[in-house]
């Protein structure tokens, strides 16, 4: 007996207009989000600096590592903030 070939139906997804809008964030919201994270990591960096200066030798190494880590994140967030501000000024 000969088998018939069955064509598979292609399923097309319909994008909701509401879901597409949620993915797009305004530049102002992005800048606010980066500023909040920048302030958070700045506080952590300062806290690590204070604890580094008042702790014993073992904890000094730990807090020095934290300071390096938080400092690197701060620099990265600062670069992102500068890029977003530059992009916002270019839009106008």
C-alpha atoms as a PDB file:
ATOM      1  CA  UNK A   1       0.000   0.000   0.000  1.00  0.00           C
ATOM      2  CA  UNK A   2       1.293   3.452  -0.859  1.00  0.00           C
ATOM      3  CA  UNK A   3       1.509   6.026   1.918  1.00  0.00           C
ATOM      4  CA  UNK A   4       0.347   9.519   1.203  1.00  0.00           C
ATOM      5  CA  UNK A   5       2.560  12.424   2.066  1.00  0.00           C
ATOM      6  CA  UNK A   6       0.936  14.771   4.522  1.00  0.00           C
ATOM      7  CA  UNK A   7       1.836  18.417   4.414  1.00  0.00           C
ATOM      8  CA  UNK A   8       2.413  19.975   7.805  1.00  0.00           C
ATOM      9  CA  UNK A   9       0.564  23.161   8.425  1.00  0.00           C
ATOM     10  CA  UNK A  10       2.746  26.091   9.328  1.00  0.00           C
ATOM     11  CA  UNK A  11       1.736  27.866  12.470  1.00  0.00           C
ATOM     12  CA  UNK A  12       2.103  31.606  12.481  1.00  0.00           C
ATOM     13  CA  UNK A  13       2.275  33.407  15.759  1.00  0.00           C
ATOM     14  CA  UNK A  14       0.459  36.623  16.129  1.00  0.00           C
ATOM     15  CA  UNK A  15       2.372  39.254  18.028  1.00  0.00           C
ATOM     16  CA  UNK A  16       0.340  41.227  20.430  1.00  0.00           C
ATOM     17  CA  UNK A  17       0.796  44.912  20.180  1.00  0.00           C
ATOM     18  CA  UNK A  18       0.949  45.237  23.959  1.00  0.00           C
ATOM     19  CA  UNK A  19       3.787  42.751  24.359  1.00  0.00           C
ATOM     20  CA  UNK A  20       5.889  44.491  21.725  1.00  0.00           C
ATOM     21  CA  UNK A  21       5.493  47.811  23.511  1.00  0.00           C
ATOM     22  CA  UNK A  22       6.645  46.380  26.816  1.00  0.00           C
ATOM     23  CA  UNK A  23       9.983  45.382  25.327  1.00  0.00           C
ATOM     24  CA  UNK A  24      10.831  48.928  24.279  1.00  0.00           C
ATOM     25  CA  UNK A  25      12.060  51.129  27.111  1.00  0.00           C
ATOM     26  CA  UNK A  26      12.477  54.823  26.856  1.00  0.00           C
ATOM     27  CA  UNK A  27      15.903  56.344  27.259  1.00  0.00           C
ATOM     28  CA  UNK A  28      14.768  58.154  30.407  1.00  0.00           C
ATOM     29  CA  UNK A  29      13.831  54.868  32.080  1.00  0.00           C
ATOM     30  CA  UNK A  30      17.147  53.336  31.076  1.00  0.00           C
ATOM     31  CA  UNK A  31      19.043  56.304  32.503  1.00  0.00           C
ATOM     32  CA  UNK A  32      17.055  56.087  35.754  1.00  0.00           C
ATOM     33  CA  UNK A  33      17.771  52.366  36.027  1.00  0.00           C
ATOM     34  CA  UNK A  34      21.503  52.873  35.436  1.00  0.00           C
ATOM     35  CA  UNK A  35      21.597  55.733  37.960  1.00  0.00           C
ATOM     36  CA  UNK A  36      19.926  53.608  40.642  1.00  0.00           C
ATOM     37  CA  UNK A  37      22.423  50.795  40.101  1.00  0.00           C
ATOM     38  CA  UNK A  38      25.311  53.251  39.985  1.00  0.00           C
ATOM     39  CA  UNK A  39      24.318  54.689  43.367  1.00  0.00           C
ATOM     40  CA  UNK A  40      23.883  51.189  44.823  1.00  0.00           C
ATOM     41  CA  UNK A  41      27.353  50.069  43.767  1.00  0.00           C
ATOM     42  CA  UNK A  42      28.833  53.383  44.905  1.00  0.00           C
ATOM     43  CA  UNK A  43      27.428  52.756  48.388  1.00  0.00           C
ATOM     44  CA  UNK A  44      28.843  49.221  48.348  1.00  0.00           C
ATOM     45  CA  UNK A  45      32.235  50.548  47.219  1.00  0.00           C
ATOM     46  CA  UNK A  46      32.324  53.154  50.005  1.00  0.00           C
ATOM     47  CA  UNK A  47      31.217  50.562  52.567  1.00  0.00           C
ATOM     48  CA  UNK A  48      34.012  48.236  51.427  1.00  0.00           C
ATOM     49  CA  UNK A  49      36.495  51.112  51.659  1.00  0.00           C
ATOM     50  CA  UNK A  50      35.458  51.903  55.228  1.00  0.00           C
ATOM     51  CA  UNK A  51      35.540  48.261  56.287  1.00  0.00           C
ATOM     52  CA  UNK A  52      38.924  47.851  54.584  1.00  0.00           C
ATOM     53  CA  UNK A  53      40.415  50.608  56.700  1.00  0.00           C
ATOM     54  CA  UNK A  54      39.111  49.312  60.058  1.00  0.00           C
ATOM     55  CA  UNK A  55      39.509  45.531  59.689  1.00  0.00           C
ATOM     56  CA  UNK A  56      42.333  43.091  60.376  1.00  0.00           C
ATOM     57  CA  UNK A  57      44.674  41.596  57.765  1.00  0.00           C
ATOM     58  CA  UNK A  58      42.478  38.705  56.584  1.00  0.00           C
ATOM     59  CA  UNK A  59      39.430  40.892  56.095  1.00  0.00           C
ATOM     60  CA  UNK A  60      41.521  43.626  54.487  1.00  0.00           C
ATOM     61  CA  UNK A  61      42.297  41.269  51.618  1.00  0.00           C
ATOM     62  CA  UNK A  62      38.610  40.389  51.281  1.00  0.00           C
ATOM     63  CA  UNK A  63      37.446  44.003  51.320  1.00  0.00           C
ATOM     64  CA  UNK A  64      40.211  44.991  48.917  1.00  0.00           C
ATOM     65  CA  UNK A  65      38.862  42.385  46.499  1.00  0.00           C
ATOM     66  CA  UNK A  66      35.337  43.754  46.971  1.00  0.00           C
ATOM     67  CA  UNK A  67      36.583  47.289  46.337  1.00  0.00           C
ATOM     68  CA  UNK A  68      38.195  46.219  43.065  1.00  0.00           C
ATOM     69  CA  UNK A  69      35.045  44.371  42.003  1.00  0.00           C
ATOM     70  CA  UNK A  70      32.641  47.181  42.900  1.00  0.00           C
ATOM     71  CA  UNK A  71      34.978  49.762  41.366  1.00  0.00           C
ATOM     72  CA  UNK A  72      35.014  47.883  38.064  1.00  0.00           C
ATOM     73  CA  UNK A  73      31.216  47.684  38.060  1.00  0.00           C
ATOM     74  CA  UNK A  74      31.053  51.414  38.835  1.00  0.00           C
ATOM     75  CA  UNK A  75      33.293  52.262  35.890  1.00  0.00           C
ATOM     76  CA  UNK A  76      31.221  50.041  33.576  1.00  0.00           C
ATOM     77  CA  UNK A  77      27.962  51.648  34.724  1.00  0.00           C
ATOM     78  CA  UNK A  78      29.472  55.103  34.338  1.00  0.00           C
ATOM     79  CA  UNK A  79      30.421  54.284  30.746  1.00  0.00           C
ATOM     80  CA  UNK A  80      26.884  53.001  30.069  1.00  0.00           C
ATOM     81  CA  UNK A  81      25.437  56.181  31.593  1.00  0.00           C
ATOM     82  CA  UNK A  82      27.638  58.381  29.413  1.00  0.00           C
ATOM     83  CA  UNK A  83      26.612  56.432  26.307  1.00  0.00           C
ATOM     84  CA  UNK A  84      22.913  56.770  27.161  1.00  0.00           C
ATOM     85  CA  UNK A  85      23.239  60.500  27.795  1.00  0.00           C
ATOM     86  CA  UNK A  86      25.122  60.870  24.508  1.00  0.00           C
ATOM     87  CA  UNK A  87      22.429  58.919  22.633  1.00  0.00           C
ATOM     88  CA  UNK A  88      19.693  61.000  24.237  1.00  0.00           C
ATOM     89  CA  UNK A  89      21.415  64.218  23.194  1.00  0.00           C
ATOM     90  CA  UNK A  90      21.820  62.899  19.638  1.00  0.00           C
ATOM     91  CA  UNK A  91      18.092  62.177  19.339  1.00  0.00           C
ATOM     92  CA  UNK A  92      17.191  65.822  19.896  1.00  0.00           C
END
